[in-house]
Amino acid sequence: MRFNPEGGDLSAAEVIANIDQKELAKQLWELAEVPAADRLAKRMKEASRQGLMETTDDLVAVCNEVLGPRIRKISSATLPFQALRIMVNRELERLDSFLESAPGLLAKGGRIAILSFHSVEDRMVKFAFRRLAETGDFKMPFRKAMKPSREEILSNRRSRSAKLRVLERCN
């Protein structure tokens, strides 16, 4: 799940082992809206203590046990994997840091385009871009996020949740 498996970030197994159960449940819910996040966090912590949370297959087994094989037409492991990936890679911290620094790097007429794939990420981008647009130094050329066309989704299923937001420097 780590973007850089060789890097210094903790593995998903280490995150699960080191995080408090209540905090894990909170993160599962806030980062991916995992149903039954409390029950899943409890079972994940139990499996971790028993040494049964070392591989992705272990995580899938626990998710299937607690949530059943599918949630809203997707694998029951998809949302927990998303939440853990975000935690392991500190994605929201890194996105926040980028959103803080990137506008200062733009010349007049320069644009930032950000493609997000889940609601937490998109919300951060939307609010950061709106705040910048309110200063008058930036504008959002498109009022709403751009979404993939039906044709794009049919040819590239992973694009179905993508949203593109653009910010342009005016002054």
C-alpha atoms as a PDB file:
ATOM      1  CA  MET A   1       0.000   0.000   0.000  1.00  0.00           C
ATOM      2  CA  ARG A   2       2.980   2.286   0.396  1.00  0.00           C
ATOM      3  CA  PHE A   3       3.770   4.480  -2.588  1.00  0.00           C
ATOM      4  CA  ASN A   4       7.420   3.800  -1.805  1.00  0.00           C
ATOM      5  CA  PRO A   5       7.768   0.282  -0.348  1.00  0.00           C
ATOM      6  CA  GLU A   6      11.441   0.995   0.392  1.00  0.00           C
ATOM      7  CA  GLY A   7      10.697   4.301   2.132  1.00  0.00           C
ATOM      8  CA  GLY A   8      10.310   5.272   5.743  1.00  0.00           C
ATOM      9  CA  ASP A   9       6.525   5.152   5.991  1.00  0.00           C
ATOM     10  CA  LEU A  10       4.927   2.454   8.129  1.00  0.00           C
ATOM     11  CA  SER A  11       3.320  -0.531   6.436  1.00  0.00           C
ATOM     12  CA  ALA A  12      -0.438  -1.056   6.741  1.00  0.00           C
ATOM     13  CA  ALA A  13       0.232  -3.905   9.193  1.00  0.00           C
ATOM     14  CA  GLU A  14       2.368  -1.561  11.336  1.00  0.00           C
ATOM     15  CA  VAL A  15      -0.276   1.180  11.215  1.00  0.00           C
ATOM     16  CA  ILE A  16      -2.952  -1.292  12.360  1.00  0.00           C
ATOM     17  CA  ALA A  17      -0.693  -2.622  15.121  1.00  0.00           C
ATOM     18  CA  ASN A  18       0.248   0.833  16.421  1.00  0.00           C
ATOM     19  CA  ILE A  19      -3.009   2.770  16.194  1.00  0.00           C
ATOM     20  CA  ASP A  20      -5.628   2.875  18.939  1.00  0.00           C
ATOM     21  CA  GLN A  21      -8.791   0.901  18.079  1.00  0.00           C
ATOM     22  CA  LYS A  22     -11.073   3.944  18.408  1.00  0.00           C
ATOM     23  CA  GLU A  23      -8.770   6.035  16.238  1.00  0.00           C
ATOM     24  CA  LEU A  24      -8.646   3.247  13.635  1.00  0.00           C
ATOM     25  CA  ALA A  25     -12.457   3.129  13.551  1.00  0.00           C
ATOM     26  CA  LYS A  26     -12.595   6.914  13.246  1.00  0.00           C
ATOM     27  CA  GLN A  27     -10.117   6.898  10.346  1.00  0.00           C
ATOM     28  CA  LEU A  28     -11.916   4.044   8.560  1.00  0.00           C
ATOM     29  CA  TRP A  29     -15.124   6.069   8.720  1.00  0.00           C
ATOM     30  CA  GLU A  30     -13.703   9.529   7.958  1.00  0.00           C
ATOM     31  CA  LEU A  31     -11.390   8.482   5.137  1.00  0.00           C
ATOM     32  CA  ALA A  32     -13.615   5.960   3.361  1.00  0.00           C
ATOM     33  CA  GLU A  33     -17.012   5.810   5.079  1.00  0.00           C
ATOM     34  CA  VAL A  34     -16.473   2.135   5.889  1.00  0.00           C
ATOM     35  CA  PRO A  35     -19.724   0.637   7.208  1.00  0.00           C
ATOM     36  CA  ALA A  36     -19.436  -0.977  10.646  1.00  0.00           C
ATOM     37  CA  ALA A  37     -16.077   0.769  11.108  1.00  0.00           C
ATOM     38  CA  ASP A  38     -16.150   0.079  14.865  1.00  0.00           C
ATOM     39  CA  ARG A  39     -16.637  -3.668  14.434  1.00  0.00           C
ATOM     40  CA  LEU A  40     -14.066  -3.830  11.645  1.00  0.00           C
ATOM     41  CA  ALA A  41     -11.462  -1.892  13.662  1.00  0.00           C
ATOM     42  CA  LYS A  42     -12.008  -4.193  16.633  1.00  0.00           C
ATOM     43  CA  ARG A  43     -11.534  -7.309  14.488  1.00  0.00           C
ATOM     44  CA  MET A  44      -8.507  -5.830  12.705  1.00  0.00           C
ATOM     45  CA  LYS A  45      -6.831  -5.111  16.050  1.00  0.00           C
ATOM     46  CA  GLU A  46      -7.626  -8.643  17.291  1.00  0.00           C
ATOM     47  CA  ALA A  47      -6.184 -10.178  14.118  1.00  0.00           C
ATOM     48  CA  SER A  48      -3.114  -7.950  14.410  1.00  0.00           C
ATOM     49  CA  ARG A  49      -2.466  -9.051  18.004  1.00  0.00           C
ATOM     50  CA  GLN A  50      -2.742 -12.689  16.846  1.00  0.00           C
ATOM     51  CA  GLY A  51      -0.244 -12.085  14.012  1.00  0.00           C
ATOM     52  CA  LEU A  52      -2.997 -12.513  11.417  1.00  0.00           C
ATOM     53  CA  MET A  53      -2.771  -9.079   9.805  1.00  0.00           C
ATOM     54  CA  GLU A  54       0.470  -9.252   7.829  1.00  0.00           C
ATOM     55  CA  THR A  55      -0.694  -9.554   4.202  1.00  0.00           C
ATOM     56  CA  THR A  56      -3.374  -8.065   1.995  1.00  0.00           C
ATOM     57  CA  ASP A  57      -5.030 -11.487   1.946  1.00  0.00           C
ATOM     58  CA  ASP A  58      -5.243 -11.311   5.760  1.00  0.00           C
ATOM     59  CA  LEU A  59      -6.956  -7.931   5.517  1.00  0.00           C
ATOM     60  CA  VAL A  60      -9.386  -9.183   2.851  1.00  0.00           C
ATOM     61  CA  ALA A  61     -10.281 -12.164   5.054  1.00  0.00           C
ATOM     62  CA  VAL A  62     -11.034  -9.911   8.039  1.00  0.00           C
ATOM     63  CA  CYS A  63     -13.086  -7.517   5.876  1.00  0.00           C
ATOM     64  CA  ASN A  64     -15.091 -10.418   4.427  1.00  0.00           C
ATOM     65  CA  GLU A  65     -15.638 -11.846   7.905  1.00  0.00           C
ATOM     66  CA  VAL A  66     -16.971  -8.572   9.345  1.00  0.00           C
ATOM     67  CA  LEU A  67     -18.609  -6.938   6.329  1.00  0.00           C
ATOM     68  CA  GLY A  68     -19.464  -9.840   4.043  1.00  0.00           C
ATOM     69  CA  PRO A  69     -17.983 -10.228   0.565  1.00  0.00           C
ATOM     70  CA  ARG A  70     -19.496  -7.074  -0.979  1.00  0.00           C
ATOM     71  CA  ILE A  71     -20.580  -3.550  -0.017  1.00  0.00           C
ATOM     72  CA  ARG A  72     -22.637  -1.556  -2.513  1.00  0.00           C
ATOM     73  CA  LYS A  73     -21.423  -3.652  -5.476  1.00  0.00           C
ATOM     74  CA  ILE A  74     -17.722  -3.437  -4.544  1.00  0.00           C
ATOM     75  CA  SER A  75     -15.453  -5.792  -2.631  1.00  0.00           C
ATOM     76  CA  SER A  76     -15.800  -5.350   1.122  1.00  0.00           C
ATOM     77  CA  ALA A  77     -12.041  -4.730   1.279  1.00  0.00           C
ATOM     78  CA  THR A  78     -12.030  -1.797  -1.174  1.00  0.00           C
ATOM     79  CA  LEU A  79     -13.006   0.948   1.283  1.00  0.00           C
ATOM     80  CA  PRO A  80     -10.809  -0.270   4.167  1.00  0.00           C
ATOM     81  CA  PHE A  81      -7.890  -0.546   1.708  1.00  0.00           C
ATOM     82  CA  GLN A  82      -8.538   3.050   0.624  1.00  0.00           C
ATOM     83  CA  ALA A  83      -8.534   4.312   4.210  1.00  0.00           C
ATOM     84  CA  LEU A  84      -5.365   2.391   5.080  1.00  0.00           C
ATOM     85  CA  ARG A  85      -3.592   3.542   1.906  1.00  0.00           C
ATOM     86  CA  ILE A  86      -4.415   7.162   2.768  1.00  0.00           C
ATOM     87  CA  MET A  87      -3.105   6.653   6.317  1.00  0.00           C
ATOM     88  CA  VAL A  88       0.039   4.739   5.317  1.00  0.00           C
ATOM     89  CA  ASN A  89       1.074   7.282   2.683  1.00  0.00           C
ATOM     90  CA  ARG A  90      -0.085  10.318   4.673  1.00  0.00           C
ATOM     91  CA  GLU A  91      -1.903  11.370   1.515  1.00  0.00           C
ATOM     92  CA  LEU A  92      -4.055  14.085   3.076  1.00  0.00           C
ATOM     93  CA  GLU A  93      -1.060  15.683   4.811  1.00  0.00           C
ATOM     94  CA  ARG A  94       0.838  15.680   1.536  1.00  0.00           C
ATOM     95  CA  LEU A  95      -2.126  17.046  -0.412  1.00  0.00           C
ATOM     96  CA  ASP A  96      -2.569  19.822   2.154  1.00  0.00           C
ATOM     97  CA  SER A  97       1.123  20.707   1.897  1.00  0.00           C
ATOM     98  CA  PHE A  98       0.891  20.791  -1.901  1.00  0.00           C
ATOM     99  CA  LEU A  99      -2.255  22.939  -1.837  1.00  0.00           C
ATOM    100  CA  GLU A 100      -0.427  25.410   0.434  1.00  0.00           C
ATOM    101  CA  SER A 101       2.703  25.747  -1.698  1.00  0.00           C
ATOM    102  CA  ALA A 102       1.637  25.202  -5.320  1.00  0.00           C
ATOM    103  CA  PRO A 103      -0.284  28.469  -5.877  1.00  0.00           C
ATOM    104  CA  GLY A 104       2.842  30.465  -5.021  1.00  0.00           C
ATOM    105  CA  LEU A 105       4.687  28.738  -7.838  1.00  0.00           C
ATOM    106  CA  LEU A 106       2.201  29.793 -10.533  1.00  0.00           C
ATOM    107  CA  ALA A 107       2.934  32.640 -12.924  1.00  0.00           C
ATOM    108  CA  LYS A 108       0.071  34.815 -14.186  1.00  0.00           C
ATOM    109  CA  GLY A 109      -2.138  32.625 -16.400  1.00  0.00           C
ATOM    110  CA  GLY A 110      -0.643  29.448 -14.923  1.00  0.00           C
ATOM    111  CA  ARG A 111      -2.989  26.630 -13.976  1.00  0.00           C
ATOM    112  CA  ILE A 112      -3.090  23.823 -11.445  1.00  0.00           C
ATOM    113  CA  ALA A 113      -5.218  20.811 -12.343  1.00  0.00           C
ATOM    114  CA  ILE A 114      -5.899  18.204  -9.675  1.00  0.00           C
ATOM    115  CA  LEU A 115      -7.572  14.879 -10.288  1.00  0.00           C
ATOM    116  CA  SER A 116      -9.143  13.398  -7.159  1.00  0.00           C
ATOM    117  CA  PHE A 117     -10.658   9.963  -6.715  1.00  0.00           C
ATOM    118  CA  HIS A 118     -12.509  10.140  -3.404  1.00  0.00           C
ATOM    119  CA  SER A 119     -14.681  12.635  -1.567  1.00  0.00           C
ATOM    120  CA  VAL A 120     -12.300  13.587   1.251  1.00  0.00           C
ATOM    121  CA  GLU A 121      -9.558  14.477  -1.206  1.00  0.00           C
ATOM    122  CA  ASP A 122     -11.962  16.323  -3.518  1.00  0.00           C
ATOM    123  CA  ARG A 123     -13.421  18.338  -0.643  1.00  0.00           C
ATOM    124  CA  MET A 124      -9.940  19.514   0.369  1.00  0.00           C
ATOM    125  CA  VAL A 125      -9.150  20.618  -3.190  1.00  0.00           C
ATOM    126  CA  LYS A 126     -12.528  22.312  -3.663  1.00  0.00           C
ATOM    127  CA  PHE A 127     -12.292  24.366  -0.468  1.00  0.00           C
ATOM    128  CA  ALA A 128      -8.635  25.306  -1.023  1.00  0.00           C
ATOM    129  CA  PHE A 129      -9.378  26.459  -4.580  1.00  0.00           C
ATOM    130  CA  ARG A 130     -12.461  28.408  -3.445  1.00  0.00           C
ATOM    131  CA  ARG A 131     -10.466  30.173  -0.712  1.00  0.00           C
ATOM    132  CA  LEU A 132      -7.825  31.167  -3.251  1.00  0.00           C
ATOM    133  CA  ALA A 133     -10.446  32.318  -5.792  1.00  0.00           C
ATOM    134  CA  GLU A 134     -11.991  34.590  -3.133  1.00  0.00           C
ATOM    135  CA  THR A 135      -8.711  36.539  -2.915  1.00  0.00           C
ATOM    136  CA  GLY A 136      -9.157  37.751  -6.494  1.00  0.00           C
ATOM    137  CA  ASP A 137      -5.680  36.537  -7.456  1.00  0.00           C
ATOM    138  CA  PHE A 138      -7.032  33.217  -8.724  1.00  0.00           C
ATOM    139  CA  LYS A 139     -10.108  31.939 -10.515  1.00  0.00           C
ATOM    140  CA  MET A 140     -11.705  28.579 -11.073  1.00  0.00           C
ATOM    141  CA  PRO A 141     -12.310  28.357 -14.852  1.00  0.00           C
ATOM    142  CA  PHE A 142     -14.926  25.651 -14.297  1.00  0.00           C
ATOM    143  CA  ARG A 143     -17.583  26.233 -11.646  1.00  0.00           C
ATOM    144  CA  LYS A 144     -17.963  22.535 -10.886  1.00  0.00           C
ATOM    145  CA  ALA A 145     -15.573  19.617 -10.997  1.00  0.00           C
ATOM    146  CA  MET A 146     -15.255  17.952 -14.380  1.00  0.00           C
ATOM    147  CA  LYS A 147     -16.302  14.305 -14.391  1.00  0.00           C
ATOM    148  CA  PRO A 148     -15.529  11.540 -16.892  1.00  0.00           C
ATOM    149  CA  SER A 149     -17.921  10.995 -19.760  1.00  0.00           C
ATOM    150  CA  ARG A 150     -19.937   7.826 -20.070  1.00  0.00           C
ATOM    151  CA  GLU A 151     -17.599   6.733 -22.869  1.00  0.00           C
ATOM    152  CA  GLU A 152     -14.539   7.286 -20.678  1.00  0.00           C
ATOM    153  CA  ILE A 153     -16.057   5.248 -17.859  1.00  0.00           C
ATOM    154  CA  LEU A 154     -16.913   2.403 -20.258  1.00  0.00           C
ATOM    155  CA  SER A 155     -13.354   2.334 -21.615  1.00  0.00           C
ATOM    156  CA  ASN A 156     -11.656   3.024 -18.260  1.00  0.00           C
ATOM    157  CA  ARG A 157     -13.702   1.784 -15.312  1.00  0.00           C
ATOM    158  CA  ARG A 158     -11.295   3.285 -12.769  1.00  0.00           C
ATOM    159  CA  SER A 159     -12.194   6.764 -13.981  1.00  0.00           C
ATOM    160  CA  ARG A 160     -15.756   6.485 -12.638  1.00  0.00           C
ATOM    161  CA  SER A 161     -15.004   8.311  -9.391  1.00  0.00           C
ATOM    162  CA  ALA A 162     -12.530  10.850 -10.807  1.00  0.00           C
ATOM    163  CA  LYS A 163     -13.106  14.590 -10.477  1.00  0.00           C
ATOM    164  CA  LEU A 164     -10.914  17.228 -12.085  1.00  0.00           C
ATOM    165  CA  ARG A 165     -10.659  20.710 -10.591  1.00  0.00           C
ATOM    166  CA  VAL A 166      -8.660  23.581 -12.090  1.00  0.00           C
ATOM    167  CA  LEU A 167      -7.314  26.797 -10.567  1.00  0.00           C
ATOM    168  CA  GLU A 168      -5.816  29.642 -12.620  1.00  0.00           C
ATOM    169  CA  ARG A 169      -3.691  32.564 -11.438  1.00  0.00           C
ATOM    170  CA  CYS A 170      -5.160  35.894 -12.630  1.00  0.00           C
ATOM    171  CA  ASN A 171      -2.767  38.439 -11.070  1.00  0.00           C
END
